Amino acid sequence: MTKRLELVSGSKKLVIEHDLPEVGCYLYVYEGGCCIHDSLQDTEELAKEEAHEKWGVEESEWPNEPTR
């Protein structure tokens, strides 16, 4: 099972989804049901940093446990 973290910030839903360790983590941003941003980072921490820099999401806003 793929580790997945989700949160809603304002009108946006942000998702960090882990791929294989050698691939990294995807950051997806949805608004109105449409994906408006996706990127690949080496680690979950880097994906969270990008979410903070681009979307203003604090690391403490992310759930501690995977969504699924």
N, C-alpha and C. Protein backbone atom coordinates (compact mmCIF):
# COMPACT_ATOMS: atom_id res chain seq x y z
N MET A 1 0.84 -1.18 0.00
CA MET A 1 0.00 0.00 0.00
C MET A 1 0.88 1.24 0.00
N THR A 2 0.50 2.22 -0.78
CA THR A 2 1.23 3.47 -0.90
C THR A 2 0.88 4.39 0.27
N LYS A 3 1.91 4.99 0.86
CA LYS A 3 1.65 5.97 1.91
C LYS A 3 1.14 7.25 1.26
N ARG A 4 0.08 7.81 1.86
CA ARG A 4 -0.55 9.00 1.30
C ARG A 4 -0.97 9.90 2.45
N LEU A 5 -0.62 11.18 2.35
CA LEU A 5 -1.03 12.19 3.31
C LEU A 5 -1.91 13.20 2.58
N GLU A 6 -3.02 13.58 3.20
CA GLU A 6 -3.93 14.56 2.59
C GLU A 6 -4.30 15.62 3.60
N LEU A 7 -4.49 16.84 3.11
CA LEU A 7 -5.03 17.90 3.95
C LEU A 7 -5.75 18.91 3.08
N VAL A 8 -6.67 19.62 3.70
CA VAL A 8 -7.40 20.69 3.02
C VAL A 8 -6.95 22.00 3.62
N SER A 9 -6.56 22.92 2.75
CA SER A 9 -6.12 24.25 3.17
C SER A 9 -6.88 25.27 2.32
N GLY A 10 -7.84 25.93 2.95
CA GLY A 10 -8.68 26.86 2.19
C GLY A 10 -9.47 26.11 1.15
N SER A 11 -9.37 26.53 -0.11
CA SER A 11 -10.11 25.88 -1.19
C SER A 11 -9.29 24.78 -1.88
N LYS A 12 -8.10 24.51 -1.35
CA LYS A 12 -7.22 23.54 -1.98
C LYS A 12 -7.07 22.27 -1.16
N LYS A 13 -6.93 21.15 -1.85
CA LYS A 13 -6.62 19.87 -1.22
C LYS A 13 -5.20 19.51 -1.66
N LEU A 14 -4.33 19.27 -0.69
CA LEU A 14 -2.95 18.90 -0.98
C LEU A 14 -2.74 17.44 -0.62
N VAL A 15 -2.00 16.74 -1.46
CA VAL A 15 -1.75 15.32 -1.27
C VAL A 15 -0.27 15.06 -1.48
N ILE A 16 0.33 14.33 -0.54
CA ILE A 16 1.68 13.81 -0.73
C ILE A 16 1.54 12.30 -0.85
N GLU A 17 2.02 11.77 -1.96
CA GLU A 17 1.90 10.34 -2.20
C GLU A 17 3.29 9.75 -2.44
N HIS A 18 3.64 8.75 -1.66
CA HIS A 18 4.94 8.09 -1.78
C HIS A 18 4.92 7.12 -2.95
N ASP A 19 6.01 7.11 -3.68
CA ASP A 19 6.23 6.12 -4.73
C ASP A 19 7.30 5.17 -4.19
N LEU A 20 7.94 4.45 -5.03
CA LEU A 20 9.06 3.61 -4.61
C LEU A 20 10.15 4.50 -3.99
N PRO A 21 10.90 3.98 -3.02
CA PRO A 21 11.92 4.81 -2.35
C PRO A 21 12.90 5.46 -3.33
N GLU A 22 13.26 4.76 -4.39
CA GLU A 22 14.20 5.33 -5.35
C GLU A 22 13.57 6.40 -6.24
N VAL A 23 12.25 6.51 -6.22
CA VAL A 23 11.54 7.52 -7.01
C VAL A 23 11.30 8.78 -6.18
N GLY A 24 10.69 8.64 -4.99
CA GLY A 24 10.43 9.79 -4.13
C GLY A 24 8.97 9.97 -3.83
N CYS A 25 8.55 11.23 -3.65
CA CYS A 25 7.19 11.57 -3.25
C CYS A 25 6.62 12.61 -4.20
N TYR A 26 5.37 12.41 -4.55
CA TYR A 26 4.66 13.37 -5.38
C TYR A 26 3.86 14.31 -4.51
N LEU A 27 3.86 15.57 -4.86
CA LEU A 27 2.99 16.57 -4.24
C LEU A 27 1.96 16.97 -5.29
N TYR A 28 0.68 16.76 -4.95
CA TYR A 28 -0.42 17.16 -5.81
C TYR A 28 -1.22 18.24 -5.10
N VAL A 29 -1.71 19.21 -5.87
CA VAL A 29 -2.59 20.24 -5.34
C VAL A 29 -3.84 20.27 -6.22
N TYR A 30 -5.00 20.13 -5.57
CA TYR A 30 -6.28 20.13 -6.27
C TYR A 30 -7.10 21.34 -5.85
N GLU A 31 -7.82 21.88 -6.82
CA GLU A 31 -8.76 22.96 -6.53
C GLU A 31 -9.98 22.75 -7.43
N GLY A 32 -11.15 22.74 -6.82
CA GLY A 32 -12.37 22.51 -7.59
C GLY A 32 -12.38 21.15 -8.26
N GLY A 33 -11.72 20.17 -7.66
CA GLY A 33 -11.68 18.82 -8.21
C GLY A 33 -10.66 18.61 -9.30
N CYS A 34 -9.92 19.65 -9.68
CA CYS A 34 -8.92 19.55 -10.74
C CYS A 34 -7.51 19.68 -10.16
N CYS A 35 -6.59 18.89 -10.69
CA CYS A 35 -5.20 19.00 -10.27
C CYS A 35 -4.60 20.26 -10.90
N ILE A 36 -4.14 21.19 -10.05
CA ILE A 36 -3.57 22.43 -10.55
C ILE A 36 -2.05 22.47 -10.40
N HIS A 37 -1.49 21.45 -9.72
CA HIS A 37 -0.04 21.40 -9.53
C HIS A 37 0.35 19.97 -9.19
N ASP A 38 1.46 19.52 -9.77
CA ASP A 38 2.07 18.27 -9.32
C ASP A 38 3.57 18.38 -9.50
N SER A 39 4.27 17.78 -8.56
CA SER A 39 5.73 17.79 -8.64
C SER A 39 6.26 16.56 -7.94
N LEU A 40 7.49 16.21 -8.25
CA LEU A 40 8.15 15.07 -7.65
C LEU A 40 9.32 15.57 -6.82
N GLN A 41 9.38 15.13 -5.57
CA GLN A 41 10.48 15.47 -4.67
C GLN A 41 11.15 14.18 -4.21
N ASP A 42 12.40 14.28 -3.77
CA ASP A 42 13.14 13.10 -3.33
C ASP A 42 12.58 12.51 -2.03
N THR A 43 12.05 13.37 -1.15
CA THR A 43 11.59 12.91 0.16
C THR A 43 10.27 13.58 0.55
N GLU A 44 9.61 13.01 1.54
CA GLU A 44 8.39 13.61 2.08
C GLU A 44 8.69 14.99 2.66
N GLU A 45 9.82 15.12 3.33
CA GLU A 45 10.19 16.40 3.92
C GLU A 45 10.33 17.49 2.87
N LEU A 46 10.93 17.17 1.73
CA LEU A 46 11.06 18.15 0.65
C LEU A 46 9.70 18.50 0.04
N ALA A 47 8.81 17.52 -0.05
CA ALA A 47 7.46 17.80 -0.55
C ALA A 47 6.73 18.74 0.41
N LYS A 48 6.90 18.53 1.71
CA LYS A 48 6.28 19.42 2.70
C LYS A 48 6.88 20.82 2.63
N GLU A 49 8.19 20.92 2.39
CA GLU A 49 8.82 22.23 2.23
C GLU A 49 8.25 22.96 1.04
N GLU A 50 8.06 22.25 -0.08
CA GLU A 50 7.49 22.88 -1.27
C GLU A 50 6.06 23.34 -0.99
N ALA A 51 5.28 22.51 -0.29
CA ALA A 51 3.90 22.89 0.05
C ALA A 51 3.90 24.17 0.90
N HIS A 52 4.88 24.28 1.77
CA HIS A 52 4.98 25.48 2.60
C HIS A 52 5.36 26.70 1.76
N GLU A 53 6.39 26.55 0.93
CA GLU A 53 6.89 27.67 0.13
C GLU A 53 5.87 28.15 -0.90
N LYS A 54 5.19 27.23 -1.58
CA LYS A 54 4.28 27.61 -2.67
C LYS A 54 2.85 27.83 -2.23
N TRP A 55 2.41 27.12 -1.16
CA TRP A 55 0.99 27.14 -0.81
C TRP A 55 0.75 27.58 0.63
N GLY A 56 1.81 27.88 1.38
CA GLY A 56 1.66 28.39 2.74
C GLY A 56 1.21 27.37 3.77
N VAL A 57 1.42 26.09 3.49
CA VAL A 57 1.00 25.03 4.40
C VAL A 57 2.14 24.74 5.39
N GLU A 58 1.83 24.87 6.67
CA GLU A 58 2.82 24.58 7.71
C GLU A 58 2.98 23.07 7.87
N GLU A 59 4.17 22.64 8.23
CA GLU A 59 4.41 21.21 8.41
C GLU A 59 3.48 20.62 9.47
N SER A 60 3.15 21.41 10.49
CA SER A 60 2.29 20.92 11.57
C SER A 60 0.84 20.67 11.12
N GLU A 61 0.46 21.17 9.95
CA GLU A 61 -0.89 20.96 9.43
C GLU A 61 -1.08 19.56 8.84
N TRP A 62 0.02 18.91 8.45
CA TRP A 62 -0.07 17.59 7.85
C TRP A 62 -0.45 16.56 8.91
N PRO A 63 -1.25 15.58 8.55
CA PRO A 63 -1.60 14.54 9.53
C PRO A 63 -0.37 13.70 9.91
N ASN A 64 -0.38 13.19 11.13
CA ASN A 64 0.73 12.35 11.59
C ASN A 64 0.65 10.94 11.02
N GLU A 65 -0.54 10.52 10.70
CA GLU A 65 -0.76 9.16 10.16
C GLU A 65 -1.17 9.25 8.70
N PRO A 66 -0.78 8.26 7.90
CA PRO A 66 -1.20 8.25 6.50
C PRO A 66 -2.71 8.24 6.37
N THR A 67 -3.20 8.87 5.31
CA THR A 67 -4.63 8.91 5.03
C THR A 67 -5.11 7.53 4.61
N ARG A 68 -4.28 6.82 3.91
CA ARG A 68 -4.60 5.42 3.54
C ARG A 68 -3.32 4.65 3.38
